[in-house]
Amino acid sequence: MSETRENLPSDPPSVRRGGDADDQITLTTARPAAQQVIITVGGEVDMLTSPQLRSLVLDQFEPGAGVELVVLDLDGVTFLGTSGLAVLIEVREAAHAAGVELRLACTARRVLRPLTIAGLIPLFDIHDTIDGALAAT
């Protein structure tokens, strides 16, 4: 006997269906030094939320911002979709064009795996910790 949708268990609470993009991503900015910015990313980076990440990171490269290093802390990312990968590539290119160093701080498999599958690992300066990313030369 086949079950109807009404008889199936509901989606687990961790799965978001629809909803506001603001509820699916958190972006926090810190400036440990005048020329350094840390952007901590949490939640899902997908087609709904990646424009927010893109905008925040690109703002750091504006002339007069005085930023020499941006560290993206991605350990809080729970999902990295193709739109998120595209944003990472775009902000990498924008950082290079602006003369700003971009480093990633991440050990999470849910981020490193998509980067690996897409062949993008060699394009990024990836560190295990924020402190490691800040200290790298």
N, C-alpha and C. Protein backbone atom coordinates (compact mmCIF):
# COMPACT_ATOMS: atom_id res chain seq x y z
N MET A 1 0.84 -1.17 0.00
CA MET A 1 0.00 0.00 0.00
C MET A 1 0.89 1.24 0.00
N SER A 2 0.59 2.20 -0.83
CA SER A 2 1.41 3.40 -0.92
C SER A 2 0.90 4.47 0.03
N GLU A 3 1.85 5.22 0.57
CA GLU A 3 1.49 6.30 1.49
C GLU A 3 1.22 7.57 0.70
N THR A 4 0.33 8.36 1.19
CA THR A 4 0.12 9.68 0.60
C THR A 4 1.01 10.67 1.33
N ARG A 5 1.19 11.84 0.78
CA ARG A 5 2.04 12.87 1.38
C ARG A 5 1.59 13.19 2.80
N GLU A 6 0.31 13.18 3.05
CA GLU A 6 -0.19 13.51 4.39
C GLU A 6 0.28 12.50 5.44
N ASN A 7 0.57 11.27 5.02
CA ASN A 7 0.98 10.24 5.97
C ASN A 7 2.48 10.18 6.17
N LEU A 8 3.24 10.92 5.36
CA LEU A 8 4.69 10.90 5.50
C LEU A 8 5.12 11.77 6.67
N PRO A 9 6.24 11.42 7.29
CA PRO A 9 6.72 12.26 8.38
C PRO A 9 7.05 13.66 7.86
N SER A 10 6.89 14.64 8.72
CA SER A 10 7.19 16.01 8.31
C SER A 10 8.69 16.19 8.16
N ASP A 11 9.07 17.25 7.47
CA ASP A 11 10.48 17.56 7.28
C ASP A 11 11.12 17.80 8.64
N PRO A 12 12.38 17.40 8.79
CA PRO A 12 13.06 17.67 10.06
C PRO A 12 13.13 19.18 10.30
N PRO A 13 13.16 19.60 11.56
CA PRO A 13 13.15 21.02 11.87
C PRO A 13 14.33 21.78 11.27
N SER A 14 15.46 21.09 10.99
CA SER A 14 16.63 21.80 10.47
C SER A 14 16.50 22.15 8.99
N VAL A 15 15.52 21.61 8.30
CA VAL A 15 15.34 21.90 6.88
C VAL A 15 14.43 23.11 6.75
N ARG A 16 14.91 24.10 6.05
CA ARG A 16 14.11 25.31 5.83
C ARG A 16 13.45 25.23 4.48
N ARG A 17 12.21 25.49 4.45
CA ARG A 17 11.44 25.52 3.20
C ARG A 17 10.96 26.95 2.98
N GLY A 18 11.40 27.55 1.89
CA GLY A 18 10.99 28.93 1.62
C GLY A 18 11.59 29.84 2.67
N GLY A 19 10.82 30.78 3.11
CA GLY A 19 11.29 31.66 4.17
C GLY A 19 12.12 32.81 3.64
N ASP A 20 12.44 33.68 4.52
CA ASP A 20 13.19 34.88 4.20
C ASP A 20 14.68 34.56 4.17
N ALA A 21 15.39 35.09 3.20
CA ALA A 21 16.83 34.84 3.09
C ALA A 21 17.56 35.30 4.35
N ASP A 22 17.05 36.34 5.00
CA ASP A 22 17.68 36.84 6.22
C ASP A 22 17.68 35.79 7.33
N ASP A 23 16.71 34.89 7.31
CA ASP A 23 16.63 33.85 8.33
C ASP A 23 17.59 32.70 8.06
N GLN A 24 18.17 32.65 6.87
CA GLN A 24 18.99 31.50 6.49
C GLN A 24 20.48 31.77 6.53
N ILE A 25 20.88 33.02 6.69
CA ILE A 25 22.30 33.36 6.71
C ILE A 25 22.56 34.42 7.78
N THR A 26 23.70 34.30 8.42
CA THR A 26 24.15 35.35 9.33
C THR A 26 25.52 35.82 8.85
N LEU A 27 25.70 37.12 8.85
CA LEU A 27 26.97 37.72 8.43
C LEU A 27 27.39 38.69 9.52
N THR A 28 28.57 38.46 10.07
CA THR A 28 29.10 39.31 11.13
C THR A 28 30.46 39.84 10.71
N THR A 29 30.66 41.12 10.90
CA THR A 29 31.92 41.76 10.51
C THR A 29 32.68 42.22 11.74
N ALA A 30 33.99 41.98 11.74
CA ALA A 30 34.86 42.45 12.82
C ALA A 30 36.12 43.03 12.19
N ARG A 31 36.70 44.02 12.86
CA ARG A 31 37.95 44.63 12.40
C ARG A 31 38.99 44.50 13.51
N PRO A 32 39.79 43.43 13.48
CA PRO A 32 40.81 43.26 14.52
C PRO A 32 41.95 44.27 14.40
N ALA A 33 42.12 44.84 13.23
CA ALA A 33 43.10 45.89 12.98
C ALA A 33 42.52 46.80 11.91
N ALA A 34 43.08 47.98 11.78
CA ALA A 34 42.51 48.97 10.87
C ALA A 34 42.39 48.48 9.43
N GLN A 35 43.34 47.69 8.97
CA GLN A 35 43.34 47.24 7.58
C GLN A 35 42.80 45.82 7.41
N GLN A 36 42.30 45.21 8.47
CA GLN A 36 41.85 43.82 8.42
C GLN A 36 40.36 43.72 8.73
N VAL A 37 39.67 42.88 7.96
CA VAL A 37 38.25 42.63 8.19
C VAL A 37 38.03 41.12 8.25
N ILE A 38 37.29 40.69 9.26
CA ILE A 38 36.86 39.29 9.35
C ILE A 38 35.36 39.28 9.13
N ILE A 39 34.92 38.48 8.18
CA ILE A 39 33.49 38.30 7.94
C ILE A 39 33.17 36.86 8.31
N THR A 40 32.36 36.69 9.35
CA THR A 40 31.95 35.36 9.79
C THR A 40 30.60 35.06 9.17
N VAL A 41 30.56 33.93 8.48
CA VAL A 41 29.36 33.52 7.74
C VAL A 41 28.76 32.31 8.41
N GLY A 42 27.46 32.35 8.66
CA GLY A 42 26.76 31.21 9.24
C GLY A 42 25.51 30.90 8.45
N GLY A 43 25.14 29.65 8.43
CA GLY A 43 23.91 29.24 7.75
C GLY A 43 24.15 28.82 6.31
N GLU A 44 23.12 29.00 5.51
CA GLU A 44 23.13 28.53 4.13
C GLU A 44 23.62 29.61 3.18
N VAL A 45 24.51 29.23 2.27
CA VAL A 45 24.95 30.14 1.22
C VAL A 45 24.47 29.54 -0.09
N ASP A 46 23.33 30.04 -0.54
CA ASP A 46 22.69 29.50 -1.75
C ASP A 46 22.20 30.65 -2.61
N MET A 47 21.33 30.36 -3.57
CA MET A 47 20.90 31.42 -4.49
C MET A 47 20.07 32.51 -3.80
N LEU A 48 19.47 32.20 -2.67
CA LEU A 48 18.72 33.22 -1.94
C LEU A 48 19.61 34.12 -1.09
N THR A 49 20.66 33.55 -0.55
CA THR A 49 21.48 34.28 0.42
C THR A 49 22.81 34.78 -0.13
N SER A 50 23.29 34.19 -1.20
CA SER A 50 24.61 34.58 -1.71
C SER A 50 24.70 36.05 -2.12
N PRO A 51 23.61 36.70 -2.59
CA PRO A 51 23.74 38.13 -2.89
C PRO A 51 24.11 38.98 -1.66
N GLN A 52 23.63 38.59 -0.48
CA GLN A 52 23.98 39.31 0.74
C GLN A 52 25.47 39.19 1.03
N LEU A 53 25.99 37.97 0.90
CA LEU A 53 27.42 37.74 1.13
C LEU A 53 28.24 38.53 0.11
N ARG A 54 27.85 38.44 -1.14
CA ARG A 54 28.54 39.15 -2.22
C ARG A 54 28.62 40.64 -1.91
N SER A 55 27.50 41.23 -1.59
CA SER A 55 27.43 42.67 -1.33
C SER A 55 28.33 43.08 -0.17
N LEU A 56 28.26 42.34 0.93
CA LEU A 56 29.06 42.68 2.11
C LEU A 56 30.56 42.59 1.81
N VAL A 57 30.96 41.53 1.11
CA VAL A 57 32.39 41.36 0.82
C VAL A 57 32.86 42.43 -0.17
N LEU A 58 32.10 42.66 -1.22
CA LEU A 58 32.50 43.66 -2.22
C LEU A 58 32.59 45.06 -1.62
N ASP A 59 31.77 45.35 -0.62
CA ASP A 59 31.85 46.65 0.06
C ASP A 59 33.22 46.88 0.69
N GLN A 60 33.89 45.81 1.09
CA GLN A 60 35.21 45.93 1.73
C GLN A 60 36.28 46.38 0.74
N PHE A 61 36.03 46.19 -0.56
CA PHE A 61 37.02 46.50 -1.59
C PHE A 61 36.85 47.90 -2.17
N GLU A 62 35.88 48.65 -1.66
CA GLU A 62 35.64 50.00 -2.17
C GLU A 62 36.85 50.89 -1.92
N PRO A 63 37.15 51.77 -2.89
CA PRO A 63 38.25 52.72 -2.67
C PRO A 63 37.99 53.54 -1.40
N GLY A 64 39.01 53.73 -0.63
CA GLY A 64 38.87 54.50 0.60
C GLY A 64 38.49 53.67 1.81
N ALA A 65 38.17 52.39 1.61
CA ALA A 65 37.81 51.53 2.75
C ALA A 65 39.04 51.22 3.60
N GLY A 66 40.22 51.30 3.01
CA GLY A 66 41.45 51.08 3.76
C GLY A 66 41.69 49.63 4.16
N VAL A 67 41.04 48.71 3.48
CA VAL A 67 41.16 47.29 3.82
C VAL A 67 42.26 46.65 2.98
N GLU A 68 43.15 45.93 3.65
CA GLU A 68 44.22 45.21 2.96
C GLU A 68 44.03 43.70 3.01
N LEU A 69 43.25 43.23 3.99
CA LEU A 69 43.03 41.80 4.16
C LEU A 69 41.59 41.54 4.58
N VAL A 70 40.94 40.61 3.88
CA VAL A 70 39.61 40.13 4.26
C VAL A 70 39.72 38.64 4.53
N VAL A 71 39.26 38.23 5.71
CA VAL A 71 39.20 36.81 6.06
C VAL A 71 37.73 36.42 6.11
N LEU A 72 37.37 35.42 5.33
CA LEU A 72 36.02 34.86 5.39
C LEU A 72 36.06 33.64 6.28
N ASP A 73 35.40 33.71 7.42
CA ASP A 73 35.29 32.58 8.34
C ASP A 73 34.06 31.78 7.92
N LEU A 74 34.28 30.62 7.32
CA LEU A 74 33.19 29.83 6.75
C LEU A 74 32.83 28.60 7.57
N ASP A 75 33.40 28.45 8.76
CA ASP A 75 33.10 27.25 9.55
C ASP A 75 31.65 27.16 10.00
N GLY A 76 30.93 28.27 10.05
CA GLY A 76 29.52 28.24 10.43
C GLY A 76 28.57 28.00 9.28
N VAL A 77 29.10 27.83 8.08
CA VAL A 77 28.25 27.58 6.91
C VAL A 77 27.70 26.16 6.99
N THR A 78 26.39 26.03 6.85
CA THR A 78 25.76 24.72 6.90
C THR A 78 25.48 24.14 5.52
N PHE A 79 25.49 25.00 4.50
CA PHE A 79 25.28 24.56 3.12
C PHE A 79 25.96 25.56 2.19
N LEU A 80 26.73 25.04 1.24
CA LEU A 80 27.38 25.89 0.23
C LEU A 80 26.97 25.39 -1.14
N GLY A 81 26.06 26.13 -1.77
CA GLY A 81 25.56 25.77 -3.09
C GLY A 81 26.40 26.38 -4.20
N THR A 82 26.00 26.11 -5.43
CA THR A 82 26.74 26.61 -6.58
C THR A 82 26.74 28.13 -6.64
N SER A 83 25.67 28.75 -6.20
CA SER A 83 25.63 30.22 -6.16
C SER A 83 26.67 30.75 -5.17
N GLY A 84 26.83 30.05 -4.08
CA GLY A 84 27.85 30.43 -3.10
C GLY A 84 29.25 30.26 -3.65
N LEU A 85 29.47 29.17 -4.40
CA LEU A 85 30.77 28.97 -5.04
C LEU A 85 31.05 30.10 -6.03
N ALA A 86 30.03 30.47 -6.80
CA ALA A 86 30.19 31.55 -7.78
C ALA A 86 30.55 32.87 -7.09
N VAL A 87 29.93 33.14 -5.94
CA VAL A 87 30.24 34.36 -5.20
C VAL A 87 31.67 34.32 -4.69
N LEU A 88 32.12 33.18 -4.20
CA LEU A 88 33.50 33.09 -3.73
C LEU A 88 34.49 33.37 -4.86
N ILE A 89 34.21 32.85 -6.05
CA ILE A 89 35.08 33.12 -7.20
C ILE A 89 35.05 34.61 -7.55
N GLU A 90 33.85 35.18 -7.56
CA GLU A 90 33.71 36.59 -7.91
C GLU A 90 34.44 37.50 -6.91
N VAL A 91 34.28 37.23 -5.62
CA VAL A 91 34.93 38.11 -4.64
C VAL A 91 36.45 37.89 -4.63
N ARG A 92 36.89 36.70 -4.99
CA ARG A 92 38.33 36.46 -5.13
C ARG A 92 38.89 37.35 -6.23
N GLU A 93 38.21 37.36 -7.38
CA GLU A 93 38.66 38.19 -8.51
C GLU A 93 38.60 39.68 -8.17
N ALA A 94 37.55 40.09 -7.47
CA ALA A 94 37.41 41.49 -7.08
C ALA A 94 38.49 41.89 -6.08
N ALA A 95 38.82 41.00 -5.16
CA ALA A 95 39.88 41.28 -4.19
C ALA A 95 41.20 41.48 -4.92
N HIS A 96 41.49 40.60 -5.85
CA HIS A 96 42.73 40.70 -6.62
C HIS A 96 42.78 42.04 -7.37
N ALA A 97 41.68 42.40 -8.02
CA ALA A 97 41.62 43.66 -8.78
C ALA A 97 41.80 44.87 -7.87
N ALA A 98 41.32 44.77 -6.63
CA ALA A 98 41.40 45.89 -5.68
C ALA A 98 42.71 45.90 -4.89
N GLY A 99 43.53 44.86 -5.07
CA GLY A 99 44.77 44.78 -4.31
C GLY A 99 44.56 44.39 -2.86
N VAL A 100 43.47 43.68 -2.59
CA VAL A 100 43.14 43.23 -1.24
C VAL A 100 43.37 41.73 -1.16
N GLU A 101 43.99 41.29 -0.07
CA GLU A 101 44.19 39.87 0.12
C GLU A 101 42.92 39.23 0.67
N LEU A 102 42.54 38.09 0.11
CA LEU A 102 41.37 37.35 0.57
C LEU A 102 41.83 35.98 1.06
N ARG A 103 41.46 35.65 2.29
CA ARG A 103 41.79 34.34 2.85
C ARG A 103 40.53 33.73 3.43
N LEU A 104 40.47 32.41 3.37
CA LEU A 104 39.35 31.67 3.95
C LEU A 104 39.82 30.98 5.21
N ALA A 105 38.98 30.97 6.23
CA ALA A 105 39.23 30.21 7.45
C ALA A 105 38.14 29.16 7.52
N CYS A 106 38.55 27.89 7.36
CA CYS A 106 37.53 26.85 7.31
C CYS A 106 38.13 25.46 7.45
N THR A 107 37.48 24.64 8.25
CA THR A 107 37.82 23.22 8.34
C THR A 107 36.60 22.35 8.06
N ALA A 108 35.45 22.98 7.83
CA ALA A 108 34.19 22.26 7.69
C ALA A 108 34.11 21.51 6.36
N ARG A 109 33.84 20.23 6.44
CA ARG A 109 33.72 19.41 5.25
C ARG A 109 32.60 19.92 4.34
N ARG A 110 31.54 20.43 4.91
CA ARG A 110 30.40 20.89 4.11
C ARG A 110 30.75 22.10 3.25
N VAL A 111 31.88 22.74 3.53
CA VAL A 111 32.39 23.83 2.69
C VAL A 111 33.54 23.34 1.82
N LEU A 112 34.46 22.62 2.42
CA LEU A 112 35.64 22.16 1.68
C LEU A 112 35.29 21.15 0.59
N ARG A 113 34.29 20.34 0.83
CA ARG A 113 33.90 19.33 -0.17
C ARG A 113 33.41 19.97 -1.47
N PRO A 114 32.46 20.92 -1.44
CA PRO A 114 32.06 21.55 -2.69
C PRO A 114 33.22 22.28 -3.39
N LEU A 115 34.09 22.92 -2.60
CA LEU A 115 35.25 23.59 -3.19
C LEU A 115 36.16 22.57 -3.88
N THR A 116 36.33 21.41 -3.26
CA THR A 116 37.17 20.36 -3.83
C THR A 116 36.56 19.79 -5.10
N ILE A 117 35.28 19.45 -5.04
CA ILE A 117 34.59 18.87 -6.20
C ILE A 117 34.64 19.82 -7.39
N ALA A 118 34.50 21.11 -7.12
CA ALA A 118 34.51 22.11 -8.20
C ALA A 118 35.93 22.45 -8.66
N GLY A 119 36.93 21.88 -8.00
CA GLY A 119 38.32 22.15 -8.38
C GLY A 119 38.80 23.53 -7.99
N LEU A 120 38.20 24.11 -6.95
CA LEU A 120 38.50 25.49 -6.58
C LEU A 120 39.51 25.64 -5.44
N ILE A 121 39.85 24.57 -4.77
CA ILE A 121 40.77 24.65 -3.63
C ILE A 121 42.06 25.39 -3.99
N PRO A 122 42.69 25.11 -5.14
CA PRO A 122 43.94 25.80 -5.46
C PRO A 122 43.80 27.32 -5.65
N LEU A 123 42.59 27.80 -5.86
CA LEU A 123 42.38 29.23 -6.10
C LEU A 123 42.38 30.06 -4.83
N PHE A 124 42.19 29.41 -3.69
CA PHE A 124 42.00 30.13 -2.44
C PHE A 124 43.12 29.85 -1.44
N ASP A 125 43.39 30.85 -0.61
CA ASP A 125 44.32 30.74 0.50
C ASP A 125 43.49 30.32 1.71
N ILE A 126 43.51 29.02 2.03
CA ILE A 126 42.62 28.46 3.06
C ILE A 126 43.43 28.10 4.30
N HIS A 127 42.90 28.51 5.46
CA HIS A 127 43.56 28.26 6.74
C HIS A 127 42.58 27.58 7.69
N ASP A 128 43.12 26.88 8.69
CA ASP A 128 42.29 26.16 9.65
C ASP A 128 41.57 27.09 10.63
N THR A 129 42.17 28.22 10.92
CA THR A 129 41.61 29.13 11.92
C THR A 129 41.66 30.58 11.43
N ILE A 130 40.88 31.41 12.08
CA ILE A 130 40.94 32.85 11.79
C ILE A 130 42.32 33.39 12.14
N ASP A 131 42.83 33.00 13.31
CA ASP A 131 44.16 33.47 13.72
C ASP A 131 45.23 33.07 12.71
N GLY A 132 45.12 31.84 12.22
CA GLY A 132 46.07 31.38 11.19
C GLY A 132 45.97 32.20 9.92
N ALA A 133 44.75 32.53 9.53
CA ALA A 133 44.54 33.35 8.33
C ALA A 133 45.08 34.76 8.53
N LEU A 134 44.89 35.32 9.71
CA LEU A 134 45.39 36.67 9.99
C LEU A 134 46.91 36.71 10.04
N ALA A 135 47.52 35.64 10.55
CA ALA A 135 48.97 35.61 10.74
C ALA A 135 49.73 35.21 9.48
N ALA A 136 49.07 34.60 8.52
CA ALA A 136 49.75 34.11 7.31
C ALA A 136 50.38 35.26 6.54
N THR A 137 51.52 34.96 5.94
CA THR A 137 52.18 35.99 5.12
C THR A 137 52.41 35.49 3.72
